[in-house]
N, C-alpha and C. Protein backbone atom coordinates (compact mmCIF):
# COMPACT_ATOMS: atom_id res chain seq x y z
N MET A 1 -25.23 13.45 -11.21
CA MET A 1 -23.96 12.34 -10.17
C MET A 1 -23.35 11.06 -10.87
N THR A 2 -22.50 11.25 -11.29
CA THR A 2 -21.67 9.48 -11.81
C THR A 2 -21.33 8.76 -10.89
N THR A 3 -21.59 7.22 -11.08
CA THR A 3 -21.63 6.23 -10.76
C THR A 3 -19.99 6.60 -9.90
N GLU A 4 -18.65 6.60 -10.36
CA GLU A 4 -17.84 6.83 -9.96
C GLU A 4 -17.93 8.03 -8.67
N GLN A 5 -18.71 9.10 -8.93
CA GLN A 5 -18.66 9.89 -7.28
C GLN A 5 -19.34 9.62 -6.94
N GLN A 6 -20.45 8.97 -6.87
CA GLN A 6 -21.56 8.54 -6.06
C GLN A 6 -20.76 7.02 -4.85
N MET A 7 -19.89 5.94 -5.88
CA MET A 7 -19.12 5.57 -5.14
C MET A 7 -17.95 6.32 -3.94
N ILE A 8 -17.69 7.31 -4.25
CA ILE A 8 -16.76 8.26 -3.60
C ILE A 8 -17.22 8.57 -2.11
N LEU A 9 -18.49 9.41 -2.75
CA LEU A 9 -19.83 9.65 -1.84
C LEU A 9 -19.68 8.50 -0.05
N ASN A 10 -19.72 7.44 -0.72
CA ASN A 10 -20.10 6.06 -0.66
C ASN A 10 -19.67 5.93 0.48
N PHE A 11 -17.57 6.10 0.86
CA PHE A 11 -16.67 6.01 1.63
C PHE A 11 -16.93 6.16 2.87
N PRO A 12 -16.78 5.43 3.60
CA PRO A 12 -16.85 6.34 5.11
C PRO A 12 -15.84 7.42 5.04
N ARG A 13 -15.79 7.93 6.11
CA ARG A 13 -15.46 9.26 6.30
C ARG A 13 -14.37 9.07 6.53
N GLU A 14 -13.32 7.82 7.52
CA GLU A 14 -12.23 8.35 7.67
C GLU A 14 -11.42 7.98 6.39
N ILE A 15 -11.74 6.75 5.23
CA ILE A 15 -11.34 6.37 3.90
C ILE A 15 -11.32 7.72 3.13
N LYS A 16 -11.69 8.50 3.23
CA LYS A 16 -12.03 9.86 2.33
C LYS A 16 -10.66 10.59 2.35
N ILE A 17 -10.91 10.61 4.06
CA ILE A 17 -10.26 11.53 4.55
C ILE A 17 -8.18 10.62 4.99
N GLN A 18 -8.41 9.56 4.46
CA GLN A 18 -7.03 8.79 3.87
C GLN A 18 -6.79 8.80 2.65
N CYS A 19 -7.59 8.79 1.75
CA CYS A 19 -7.62 9.30 -0.19
C CYS A 19 -7.13 10.57 0.06
N LEU A 20 -7.59 11.20 0.22
CA LEU A 20 -6.88 12.61 0.33
C LEU A 20 -5.47 12.99 0.93
N LYS A 21 -5.04 11.81 2.07
CA LYS A 21 -3.96 12.18 2.39
C LYS A 21 -3.09 12.07 1.62
N ASP A 22 -3.14 10.43 1.27
CA ASP A 22 -2.04 9.68 0.34
C ASP A 22 -1.94 10.74 -0.89
N ALA A 23 -2.63 11.13 -1.31
CA ALA A 23 -2.95 12.21 -3.01
C ALA A 23 -1.92 12.78 -2.92
N LEU A 24 -1.85 13.61 -1.83
CA LEU A 24 -1.11 14.68 -1.27
C LEU A 24 0.92 14.09 -1.43
N GLU A 25 0.70 12.76 -0.29
CA GLU A 25 2.03 12.00 0.03
C GLU A 25 2.62 11.31 -1.41
N GLN A 26 1.71 11.12 -2.01
CA GLN A 26 2.12 10.55 -2.87
C GLN A 26 2.16 12.06 -4.39
N ASP A 27 2.15 12.90 -4.04
CA ASP A 27 2.49 14.35 -4.84
C ASP A 27 1.41 14.23 -6.03
N LYS A 28 0.73 13.75 -6.18
CA LYS A 28 -0.65 13.57 -6.80
C LYS A 28 -1.67 14.50 -6.40
N PHE A 29 -1.70 16.16 -7.08
CA PHE A 29 -2.30 17.38 -6.95
C PHE A 29 -3.19 17.06 -7.32
N GLY A 30 -3.20 16.52 -8.49
CA GLY A 30 -4.44 16.89 -9.52
C GLY A 30 -5.51 15.80 -8.56
N VAL A 31 -5.22 14.51 -8.37
CA VAL A 31 -6.23 13.52 -7.79
C VAL A 31 -6.92 14.27 -6.53
N PHE A 32 -5.85 15.08 -5.47
CA PHE A 32 -6.61 15.88 -4.43
C PHE A 32 -7.67 16.70 -4.84
N MET A 33 -7.11 17.69 -5.29
CA MET A 33 -8.60 18.72 -6.16
C MET A 33 -9.60 18.03 -6.95
N GLY A 34 -9.35 16.96 -7.50
CA GLY A 34 -10.45 15.69 -8.31
C GLY A 34 -11.16 15.63 -6.86
N LEU A 35 -10.46 14.73 -5.77
CA LEU A 35 -11.11 14.19 -5.11
C LEU A 35 -12.00 15.47 -4.13
N SER A 36 -11.60 16.59 -3.64
CA SER A 36 -11.95 17.55 -3.05
C SER A 36 -12.93 18.07 -3.76
N LYS A 37 -12.70 18.35 -4.73
CA LYS A 37 -14.38 18.79 -5.78
C LYS A 37 -15.34 18.20 -5.18
N ILE A 38 -15.10 16.88 -5.50
CA ILE A 38 -16.17 16.19 -5.01
C ILE A 38 -16.79 15.97 -4.12
N LEU A 39 -16.04 15.55 -2.87
CA LEU A 39 -16.38 15.75 -1.72
C LEU A 39 -17.06 17.66 -0.69
N LEU A 40 -16.25 19.19 -1.86
CA LEU A 40 -16.93 19.51 -1.44
C LEU A 40 -18.02 20.13 -2.00
N ASP A 41 -18.21 19.52 -3.16
CA ASP A 41 -19.57 20.28 -4.08
C ASP A 41 -20.54 19.20 -3.37
N ALA A 42 -20.37 17.94 -2.44
CA ALA A 42 -21.93 17.28 -2.34
C ALA A 42 -22.18 17.58 -0.93
N PRO A 43 -23.24 18.11 -0.68
CA PRO A 43 -23.80 18.12 1.05
C PRO A 43 -23.21 17.05 2.04
N LEU A 44 -23.40 17.46 3.25
CA LEU A 44 -22.58 16.72 3.99
C LEU A 44 -23.45 15.47 4.31
N ASN A 45 -24.75 15.49 4.15
CA ASN A 45 -26.20 14.44 4.54
C ASN A 45 -25.28 13.90 3.34
N GLU A 46 -24.76 14.17 1.93
CA GLU A 46 -24.47 12.89 1.12
C GLU A 46 -23.48 12.20 1.24
N GLY A 47 -22.69 12.48 1.83
CA GLY A 47 -21.35 12.63 1.65
C GLY A 47 -19.80 13.51 1.32
N GLY A 48 -20.12 14.48 1.57
CA GLY A 48 -19.58 15.38 1.25
C GLY A 48 -18.41 15.59 2.31
N LEU A 49 -17.53 16.44 2.69
CA LEU A 49 -16.49 17.18 3.84
C LEU A 49 -16.93 18.42 4.03
N GLU A 50 -16.59 18.47 5.56
CA GLU A 50 -15.92 20.11 5.31
C GLU A 50 -15.14 20.87 4.41
N THR A 51 -15.71 22.20 4.02
CA THR A 51 -14.15 22.86 3.61
C THR A 51 -12.98 22.97 4.17
N GLU A 52 -13.40 23.20 5.91
CA GLU A 52 -11.97 23.36 7.22
C GLU A 52 -11.33 21.65 7.16
N VAL A 53 -11.90 20.51 6.65
CA VAL A 53 -11.53 19.40 7.56
C VAL A 53 -10.33 19.13 5.88
N ILE A 54 -10.70 19.12 4.64
CA ILE A 54 -9.64 19.91 3.90
C ILE A 54 -9.02 20.71 3.81
N GLU A 55 -8.99 21.64 4.26
CA GLU A 55 -7.94 22.69 4.49
C GLU A 55 -7.26 22.37 5.12
N GLN A 56 -7.76 21.74 6.10
CA GLN A 56 -6.60 21.54 7.53
C GLN A 56 -5.64 20.21 6.87
N ILE A 57 -6.18 19.29 6.05
CA ILE A 57 -4.75 18.02 5.74
C ILE A 57 -4.05 18.72 4.53
N HIS A 58 -4.76 19.66 3.63
CA HIS A 58 -4.00 20.50 2.72
C HIS A 58 -2.73 21.35 3.55
N ASN A 59 -3.59 22.02 4.73
CA ASN A 59 -2.10 22.32 5.67
C ASN A 59 -1.33 21.97 6.35
N GLU A 60 -1.27 21.21 6.49
CA GLU A 60 -0.86 19.63 6.84
C GLU A 60 0.03 18.82 6.26
N HIS A 61 0.13 19.02 5.14
CA HIS A 61 0.77 18.53 4.15
C HIS A 61 2.14 19.98 3.69
N LEU A 62 1.31 20.54 3.90
CA LEU A 62 1.71 22.16 3.24
C LEU A 62 4.05 22.01 4.10
N ASN A 63 2.52 22.23 5.73
CA ASN A 63 3.68 22.32 7.13
C ASN A 63 4.48 21.49 7.27
N LYS A 64 4.45 19.83 7.10
CA LYS A 64 5.29 18.73 6.86
C LYS A 64 6.37 18.46 6.04
N ASN A 65 6.02 19.68 4.90
CA ASN A 65 6.99 19.51 3.76
C ASN A 65 7.87 20.85 3.23
N SER A 66 7.99 21.66 4.48
CA SER A 66 8.41 22.97 4.54
C SER A 66 9.43 22.80 4.84
């Protein structure tokens, strides 16, 4: 795991969620996907996020923009 990945995983949960939302709001889908991969690949006890949380963020963005 890279230093950058470890840094992201060390962020508080709320910051991780906000980063994902911000990436989508700024139309930076590649950033959203990269962050999602890091957060989904990591175990929850090491800073990862649940699949359902990331899906919900994505779905809320899609519903907001449809």
